[in-house]
PDB file of all heavy atoms in Angstrom:
ATOM      1  N   GLY A   1       0.791  -1.238   0.042  1.00  0.00           N
ATOM      2  CA  GLY A   1       0.002  -0.016  -0.005  1.00  0.00           C
ATOM      3  C   GLY A   1       0.810   1.280   0.032  1.00  0.00           C
ATOM      4  O   GLY A   1       0.496   2.247   0.681  1.00  0.00           O
ATOM      5  N   ARG A   2       1.898   1.299  -0.772  1.00  0.00           N
ATOM      6  CA  ARG A   2       2.731   2.484  -0.802  1.00  0.00           C
ATOM      7  C   ARG A   2       3.081   2.876  -2.260  1.00  0.00           C
ATOM      8  O   ARG A   2       2.987   2.096  -3.218  1.00  0.00           O
ATOM      9  CB  ARG A   2       4.096   2.141  -0.121  1.00  0.00           C
ATOM     10  CG  ARG A   2       3.915   1.729   1.342  1.00  0.00           C
ATOM     11  CD  ARG A   2       5.222   1.378   2.012  1.00  0.00           C
ATOM     12  NE  ARG A   2       6.098   2.539   2.226  1.00  0.00           N
ATOM     13  CZ  ARG A   2       5.929   3.369   3.248  1.00  0.00           C
ATOM     14  NH1 ARG A   2       4.944   3.192   4.124  1.00  0.00           N
ATOM     15  NH2 ARG A   2       6.755   4.394   3.382  1.00  0.00           N
ATOM     16  N   ILE A   3       3.477   4.160  -2.399  1.00  0.00           N
ATOM     17  CA  ILE A   3       3.992   4.651  -3.644  1.00  0.00           C
ATOM     18  C   ILE A   3       5.521   4.759  -3.501  1.00  0.00           C
ATOM     19  O   ILE A   3       6.006   5.475  -2.636  1.00  0.00           O
ATOM     20  CB  ILE A   3       3.429   5.983  -4.047  1.00  0.00           C
ATOM     21  CG1 ILE A   3       1.904   5.938  -4.232  1.00  0.00           C
ATOM     22  CG2 ILE A   3       4.098   6.526  -5.310  1.00  0.00           C
ATOM     23  CD1 ILE A   3       1.265   7.250  -4.530  1.00  0.00           C
ATOM     24  N   VAL A   4       6.221   4.018  -4.332  1.00  0.00           N
ATOM     25  CA  VAL A   4       7.732   4.070  -4.318  1.00  0.00           C
ATOM     26  C   VAL A   4       8.178   4.609  -5.651  1.00  0.00           C
ATOM     27  O   VAL A   4       7.872   4.057  -6.702  1.00  0.00           O
ATOM     28  CB  VAL A   4       8.277   2.640  -4.097  1.00  0.00           C
ATOM     29  CG1 VAL A   4       9.816   2.694  -4.173  1.00  0.00           C
ATOM     30  CG2 VAL A   4       7.821   2.057  -2.773  1.00  0.00           C
ATOM     31  N   SER A   5       8.895   5.715  -5.594  1.00  0.00           N
ATOM     32  CA  SER A   5       9.384   6.349  -6.796  1.00  0.00           C
ATOM     33  C   SER A   5      10.861   5.970  -6.932  1.00  0.00           C
ATOM     34  O   SER A   5      11.645   6.080  -5.972  1.00  0.00           O
ATOM     35  CB  SER A   5       9.272   7.853  -6.774  1.00  0.00           C
ATOM     36  OG  SER A   5       7.928   8.258  -6.957  1.00  0.00           O
ATOM     37  N   VAL A   6      11.230   5.526  -8.161  1.00  0.00           N
ATOM     38  CA  VAL A   6      12.620   5.185  -8.480  1.00  0.00           C
ATOM     39  C   VAL A   6      13.166   6.325  -9.320  1.00  0.00           C
ATOM     40  O   VAL A   6      12.690   6.598 -10.391  1.00  0.00           O
ATOM     41  CB  VAL A   6      12.745   3.856  -9.248  1.00  0.00           C
ATOM     42  CG1 VAL A   6      14.217   3.491  -9.491  1.00  0.00           C
ATOM     43  CG2 VAL A   6      12.020   2.730  -8.478  1.00  0.00           C
ATOM     44  N   VAL A   7      14.224   6.990  -8.811  1.00  0.00           N
ATOM     45  CA  VAL A   7      14.756   8.163  -9.510  1.00  0.00           C
ATOM     46  C   VAL A   7      16.250   7.946  -9.766  1.00  0.00           C
ATOM     47  O   VAL A   7      16.856   7.060  -9.189  1.00  0.00           O
ATOM     48  CB  VAL A   7      14.582   9.463  -8.638  1.00  0.00           C
ATOM     49  CG1 VAL A   7      13.111   9.687  -8.349  1.00  0.00           C
ATOM     50  CG2 VAL A   7      15.392   9.405  -7.362  1.00  0.00           C
ATOM     51  N   GLY A   8      16.790   8.781 -10.630  1.00  0.00           N
ATOM     52  CA  GLY A   8      18.241   8.686 -10.956  1.00  0.00           C
ATOM     53  C   GLY A   8      18.478   9.249 -12.395  1.00  0.00           C
ATOM     54  O   GLY A   8      17.522   9.433 -13.165  1.00  0.00           O
ATOM     55  N   PRO A   9      19.713   9.494 -12.663  1.00  0.00           N
ATOM     56  CA  PRO A   9      20.067  10.088 -14.004  1.00  0.00           C
ATOM     57  C   PRO A   9      19.701   9.102 -15.093  1.00  0.00           C
ATOM     58  O   PRO A   9      19.475   7.890 -14.887  1.00  0.00           O
ATOM     59  CB  PRO A   9      21.539  10.323 -13.900  1.00  0.00           C
ATOM     60  CG  PRO A   9      21.893  10.224 -12.467  1.00  0.00           C
ATOM     61  CD  PRO A   9      20.866   9.308 -11.838  1.00  0.00           C
ATOM     62  N   ASN A  10      19.761   9.588 -16.322  1.00  0.00           N
ATOM     63  CA  ASN A  10      19.585   8.691 -17.504  1.00  0.00           C
ATOM     64  C   ASN A  10      20.659   7.610 -17.460  1.00  0.00           C
ATOM     65  O   ASN A  10      21.812   7.873 -17.139  1.00  0.00           O
ATOM     66  CB  ASN A  10      19.735   9.476 -18.809  1.00  0.00           C
ATOM     67  CG  ASN A  10      18.617  10.413 -19.044  1.00  0.00           C
ATOM     68  OD1 ASN A  10      17.486  10.201 -18.553  1.00  0.00           O
ATOM     69  ND2 ASN A  10      18.857  11.496 -19.793  1.00  0.00           N
ATOM     70  N   GLY A  11      20.248   6.374 -17.737  1.00  0.00           N
ATOM     71  CA  GLY A  11      21.181   5.250 -17.735  1.00  0.00           C
ATOM     72  C   GLY A  11      21.462   4.683 -16.363  1.00  0.00           C
ATOM     73  O   GLY A  11      22.318   3.818 -16.258  1.00  0.00           O
ATOM     74  N   SER A  12      20.717   5.102 -15.359  1.00  0.00           N
ATOM     75  CA  SER A  12      20.990   4.528 -14.008  1.00  0.00           C
ATOM     76  C   SER A  12      20.339   3.236 -13.765  1.00  0.00           C
ATOM     77  O   SER A  12      20.683   2.530 -12.806  1.00  0.00           O
ATOM     78  CB  SER A  12      20.511   5.557 -12.925  1.00  0.00           C
ATOM     79  OG  SER A  12      19.085   5.811 -13.089  1.00  0.00           O
ATOM     80  N   GLY A  13      19.410   2.823 -14.656  1.00  0.00           N
ATOM     81  CA  GLY A  13      18.802   1.507 -14.493  1.00  0.00           C
ATOM     82  C   GLY A  13      17.363   1.468 -14.034  1.00  0.00           C
ATOM     83  O   GLY A  13      16.825   0.411 -13.702  1.00  0.00           O
ATOM     84  N   LYS A  14      16.712   2.633 -13.985  1.00  0.00           N
ATOM     85  CA  LYS A  14      15.316   2.716 -13.442  1.00  0.00           C
ATOM     86  C   LYS A  14      14.368   1.850 -14.304  1.00  0.00           C
ATOM     87  O   LYS A  14      13.675   0.990 -13.749  1.00  0.00           O
ATOM     88  CB  LYS A  14      14.854   4.188 -13.534  1.00  0.00           C
ATOM     89  CG  LYS A  14      15.704   5.169 -12.747  1.00  0.00           C
ATOM     90  CD  LYS A  14      15.084   6.533 -12.752  1.00  0.00           C
ATOM     91  CE  LYS A  14      14.947   7.195 -14.136  1.00  0.00           C
ATOM     92  NZ  LYS A  14      16.249   7.356 -14.762  1.00  0.00           N
ATOM     93  N   SER A  15      14.303   2.098 -15.586  1.00  0.00           N
ATOM     94  CA  SER A  15      13.382   1.357 -16.429  1.00  0.00           C
ATOM     95  C   SER A  15      13.787  -0.147 -16.496  1.00  0.00           C
ATOM     96  O   SER A  15      12.874  -1.026 -16.556  1.00  0.00           O
ATOM     97  CB  SER A  15      13.368   1.916 -17.843  1.00  0.00           C
ATOM     98  OG  SER A  15      12.763   3.202 -17.844  1.00  0.00           O
ATOM     99  N   THR A  16      15.018  -0.411 -16.463  1.00  0.00           N
ATOM    100  CA  THR A  16      15.500  -1.829 -16.474  1.00  0.00           C
ATOM    101  C   THR A  16      14.999  -2.541 -15.249  1.00  0.00           C
ATOM    102  O   THR A  16      14.603  -3.696 -15.267  1.00  0.00           O
ATOM    103  CB  THR A  16      16.982  -1.900 -16.586  1.00  0.00           C
ATOM    104  OG1 THR A  16      17.412  -1.281 -17.805  1.00  0.00           O
ATOM    105  CG2 THR A  16      17.455  -3.330 -16.644  1.00  0.00           C
ATOM    106  N   LEU A  17      15.102  -1.882 -14.103  1.00  0.00           N
ATOM    107  CA  LEU A  17      14.571  -2.485 -12.859  1.00  0.00           C
ATOM    108  C   LEU A  17      13.060  -2.781 -12.963  1.00  0.00           C
ATOM    109  O   LEU A  17      12.621  -3.890 -12.604  1.00  0.00           O
ATOM    110  CB  LEU A  17      14.861  -1.560 -11.712  1.00  0.00           C
ATOM    111  CG  LEU A  17      14.233  -1.973 -10.329  1.00  0.00           C
ATOM    112  CD1 LEU A  17      14.768  -3.335  -9.914  1.00  0.00           C
ATOM    113  CD2 LEU A  17      14.514  -0.887  -9.267  1.00  0.00           C
ATOM    114  N   ILE A  18      12.320  -1.804 -13.443  1.00  0.00           N
ATOM    115  CA  ILE A  18      10.856  -2.004 -13.624  1.00  0.00           C
ATOM    116  C   ILE A  18      10.603  -3.221 -14.515  1.00  0.00           C
ATOM    117  O   ILE A  18       9.756  -4.083 -14.213  1.00  0.00           O
ATOM    118  CB  ILE A  18      10.235  -0.762 -14.205  1.00  0.00           C
ATOM    119  CG1 ILE A  18      10.306   0.422 -13.206  1.00  0.00           C
ATOM    120  CG2 ILE A  18       8.817  -1.026 -14.662  1.00  0.00           C
ATOM    121  CD1 ILE A  18       9.343   0.315 -12.066  1.00  0.00           C
ATOM    122  N   LYS A  19      11.328  -3.341 -15.611  1.00  0.00           N
ATOM    123  CA  LYS A  19      11.084  -4.423 -16.593  1.00  0.00           C
ATOM    124  C   LYS A  19      11.576  -5.748 -16.049  1.00  0.00           C
ATOM    125  O   LYS A  19      11.022  -6.799 -16.370  1.00  0.00           O
ATOM    126  CB  LYS A  19      11.744  -4.052 -17.911  1.00  0.00           C
ATOM    127  CG  LYS A  19      11.047  -2.935 -18.618  1.00  0.00           C
ATOM    128  CD  LYS A  19      11.831  -2.529 -19.904  1.00  0.00           C
ATOM    129  CE  LYS A  19      11.146  -1.349 -20.592  1.00  0.00           C
ATOM    130  NZ  LYS A  19      11.875  -0.933 -21.820  1.00  0.00           N
ATOM    131  N   CYS A  20      12.574  -5.749 -15.213  1.00  0.00           N
ATOM    132  CA  CYS A  20      13.006  -7.027 -14.581  1.00  0.00           C
ATOM    133  C   CYS A  20      12.020  -7.484 -13.556  1.00  0.00           C
ATOM    134  O   CYS A  20      11.768  -8.710 -13.434  1.00  0.00           O
ATOM    135  CB  CYS A  20      14.424  -6.840 -13.936  1.00  0.00           C
ATOM    136  SG  CYS A  20      15.764  -6.805 -15.069  1.00  0.00           S
ATOM    137  N   ILE A  21      11.409  -6.578 -12.810  1.00  0.00           N
ATOM    138  CA  ILE A  21      10.379  -6.970 -11.839  1.00  0.00           C
ATOM    139  C   ILE A  21       9.175  -7.613 -12.616  1.00  0.00           C
ATOM    140  O   ILE A  21       8.659  -8.622 -12.166  1.00  0.00           O
ATOM    141  CB  ILE A  21       9.901  -5.746 -11.052  1.00  0.00           C
ATOM    142  CG1 ILE A  21      11.059  -5.232 -10.123  1.00  0.00           C
ATOM    143  CG2 ILE A  21       8.655  -6.104 -10.236  1.00  0.00           C
ATOM    144  CD1 ILE A  21      10.725  -3.982  -9.393  1.00  0.00           C
ATOM    145  N   ASP A  22       8.807  -7.059 -13.764  1.00  0.00           N
ATOM    146  CA  ASP A  22       7.723  -7.630 -14.476  1.00  0.00           C
ATOM    147  C   ASP A  22       8.149  -8.744 -15.460  1.00  0.00           C
ATOM    148  O   ASP A  22       7.325  -9.245 -16.199  1.00  0.00           O
ATOM    149  CB  ASP A  22       7.027  -6.490 -15.324  1.00  0.00           C
ATOM    150  CG  ASP A  22       5.626  -6.907 -15.743  1.00  0.00           C
ATOM    151  OD1 ASP A  22       4.883  -7.491 -14.980  1.00  0.00           O
ATOM    152  OD2 ASP A  22       5.268  -6.613 -16.908  1.00  0.00           O
ATOM    153  N   ARG A  23       9.387  -9.107 -15.457  1.00  0.00           N
ATOM    154  CA  ARG A  23       9.967 -10.173 -16.271  1.00  0.00           C
ATOM    155  C   ARG A  23       9.798  -9.889 -17.772  1.00  0.00           C
ATOM    156  O   ARG A  23       9.732 -10.844 -18.557  1.00  0.00           O
ATOM    157  CB  ARG A  23       9.377 -11.533 -15.880  1.00  0.00           C
ATOM    158  CG  ARG A  23       9.728 -11.959 -14.457  1.00  0.00           C
ATOM    159  CD  ARG A  23       9.482 -13.374 -14.184  1.00  0.00           C
ATOM    160  NE  ARG A  23      10.266 -14.328 -14.929  1.00  0.00           N
ATOM    161  CZ  ARG A  23      11.537 -14.584 -14.755  1.00  0.00           C
ATOM    162  NH1 ARG A  23      12.213 -13.975 -13.798  1.00  0.00           N
ATOM    163  NH2 ARG A  23      12.190 -15.464 -15.537  1.00  0.00           N
ATOM    164  N   ILE A  24       9.695  -8.681 -18.121  1.00  0.00           N
ATOM    165  CA  ILE A  24       9.867  -8.265 -19.537  1.00  0.00           C
ATOM    166  C   ILE A  24      11.337  -8.513 -19.916  1.00  0.00           C
ATOM    167  O   ILE A  24      11.642  -8.979 -21.063  1.00  0.00           O
ATOM    168  CB  ILE A  24       9.510  -6.799 -19.749  1.00  0.00           C
ATOM    169  CG1 ILE A  24       7.980  -6.620 -19.429  1.00  0.00           C
ATOM    170  CG2 ILE A  24       9.827  -6.376 -21.160  1.00  0.00           C
ATOM    171  CD1 ILE A  24       7.609  -5.163 -19.382  1.00  0.00           C
ATOM    172  N   LEU A  25      12.221  -8.240 -19.004  1.00  0.00           N
ATOM    173  CA  LEU A  25      13.655  -8.571 -19.088  1.00  0.00           C
ATOM    174  C   LEU A  25      13.970  -9.638 -18.014  1.00  0.00           C
ATOM    175  O   LEU A  25      13.450  -9.612 -16.908  1.00  0.00           O
ATOM    176  CB  LEU A  25      14.521  -7.382 -18.863  1.00  0.00           C
ATOM    177  CG  LEU A  25      14.381  -6.243 -19.878  1.00  0.00           C
ATOM    178  CD1 LEU A  25      15.232  -5.035 -19.439  1.00  0.00           C
ATOM    179  CD2 LEU A  25      14.765  -6.681 -21.296  1.00  0.00           C
ATOM    180  N   LEU A  26      14.800 -10.582 -18.360  1.00  0.00           N
ATOM    181  CA  LEU A  26      15.154 -11.657 -17.432  1.00  0.00           C
ATOM    182  C   LEU A  26      16.566 -11.423 -16.848  1.00  0.00           C
ATOM    183  O   LEU A  26      17.525 -11.402 -17.579  1.00  0.00           O
ATOM    184  CB  LEU A  26      15.105 -13.031 -18.170  1.00  0.00           C
ATOM    185  CG  LEU A  26      13.777 -13.411 -18.825  1.00  0.00           C
ATOM    186  CD1 LEU A  26      13.895 -14.755 -19.498  1.00  0.00           C
ATOM    187  CD2 LEU A  26      12.660 -13.360 -17.797  1.00  0.00           C
ATOM    188  N   PRO A  27      16.645 -11.157 -15.565  1.00  0.00           N
ATOM    189  CA  PRO A  27      17.946 -10.889 -14.984  1.00  0.00           C
ATOM    190  C   PRO A  27      18.872 -12.129 -14.979  1.00  0.00           C
ATOM    191  O   PRO A  27      18.368 -13.273 -14.940  1.00  0.00           O
ATOM    192  CB  PRO A  27      17.576 -10.516 -13.521  1.00  0.00           C
ATOM    193  CG  PRO A  27      16.264 -11.188 -13.275  1.00  0.00           C
ATOM    194  CD  PRO A  27      15.573 -11.148 -14.605  1.00  0.00           C
ATOM    195  N   GLN A  28      20.158 -11.901 -15.017  1.00  0.00           N
ATOM    196  CA  GLN A  28      21.105 -13.017 -15.007  1.00  0.00           C
ATOM    197  C   GLN A  28      21.310 -13.581 -13.627  1.00  0.00           C
ATOM    198  O   GLN A  28      21.534 -14.764 -13.473  1.00  0.00           O
ATOM    199  CB  GLN A  28      22.473 -12.513 -15.566  1.00  0.00           C
ATOM    200  CG  GLN A  28      22.513 -12.394 -17.087  1.00  0.00           C
ATOM    201  CD  GLN A  28      21.964 -11.055 -17.568  1.00  0.00           C
ATOM    202  OE1 GLN A  28      21.748 -10.160 -16.768  1.00  0.00           O
ATOM    203  NE2 GLN A  28      21.668 -10.994 -18.858  1.00  0.00           N
ATOM    204  N   GLU A  29      21.172 -12.752 -12.593  1.00  0.00           N
ATOM    205  CA  GLU A  29      21.274 -13.221 -11.219  1.00  0.00           C
ATOM    206  C   GLU A  29      20.189 -12.554 -10.384  1.00  0.00           C
ATOM    207  O   GLU A  29      19.635 -11.503 -10.744  1.00  0.00           O
ATOM    208  CB  GLU A  29      22.642 -12.904 -10.619  1.00  0.00           C
ATOM    209  CG  GLU A  29      23.836 -13.701 -11.196  1.00  0.00           C
ATOM    210  CD  GLU A  29      24.530 -12.937 -12.269  1.00  0.00           C
ATOM    211  OE1 GLU A  29      24.501 -11.698 -12.258  1.00  0.00           O
ATOM    212  OE2 GLU A  29      25.140 -13.611 -13.146  1.00  0.00           O
ATOM    213  N   GLY A  30      19.888 -13.215  -9.258  1.00  0.00           N
ATOM    214  CA  GLY A  30      18.980 -12.588  -8.260  1.00  0.00           C
ATOM    215  C   GLY A  30      17.558 -13.051  -8.429  1.00  0.00           C
ATOM    216  O   GLY A  30      17.200 -13.779  -9.377  1.00  0.00           O
ATOM    217  N   THR A  31      16.718 -12.652  -7.475  1.00  0.00           N
ATOM    218  CA  THR A  31      15.305 -13.086  -7.486  1.00  0.00           C
ATOM    219  C   THR A  31      14.421 -11.890  -7.172  1.00  0.00           C
ATOM    220  O   THR A  31      14.865 -10.919  -6.554  1.00  0.00           O
ATOM    221  CB  THR A  31      14.987 -14.156  -6.367  1.00  0.00           C
ATOM    222  OG1 THR A  31      15.371 -13.609  -5.091  1.00  0.00           O
ATOM    223  CG2 THR A  31      15.845 -15.421  -6.649  1.00  0.00           C
ATOM    224  N   VAL A  32      13.203 -11.955  -7.584  1.00  0.00           N
ATOM    225  CA  VAL A  32      12.141 -11.015  -7.305  1.00  0.00           C
ATOM    226  C   VAL A  32      10.950 -11.810  -6.760  1.00  0.00           C
ATOM    227  O   VAL A  32      10.498 -12.763  -7.369  1.00  0.00           O
ATOM    228  CB  VAL A  32      11.686 -10.238  -8.507  1.00  0.00           C
ATOM    229  CG1 VAL A  32      10.608  -9.219  -8.098  1.00  0.00           C
ATOM    230  CG2 VAL A  32      12.864  -9.448  -9.164  1.00  0.00           C
ATOM    231  N   SER A  33      10.477 -11.427  -5.547  1.00  0.00           N
ATOM    232  CA  SER A  33       9.370 -12.205  -4.927  1.00  0.00           C
ATOM    233  C   SER A  33       8.230 -11.261  -4.575  1.00  0.00           C
ATOM    234  O   SER A  33       8.494 -10.106  -4.203  1.00  0.00           O
ATOM    235  CB  SER A  33       9.876 -12.856  -3.667  1.00  0.00           C
ATOM    236  OG  SER A  33      10.965 -13.715  -3.921  1.00  0.00           O
ATOM    237  N   VAL A  34       7.027 -11.731  -4.686  1.00  0.00           N
ATOM    238  CA  VAL A  34       5.849 -11.059  -4.246  1.00  0.00           C
ATOM    239  C   VAL A  34       5.118 -11.942  -3.274  1.00  0.00           C
ATOM    240  O   VAL A  34       4.820 -13.086  -3.575  1.00  0.00           O
ATOM    241  CB  VAL A  34       4.934 -10.729  -5.441  1.00  0.00           C
ATOM    242  CG1 VAL A  34       3.612 -10.100  -4.921  1.00  0.00           C
ATOM    243  CG2 VAL A  34       5.607  -9.734  -6.390  1.00  0.00           C
TER     244      VAL A  34
END
């Protein structure tokens, strides 16, 4: 129940993080759990 904003300069990985969470992109290491 929260709003979390991910900020940073261009190329910092914001959109990549969003897409890895939704598995649009598949990370090489690590896990995402809900």
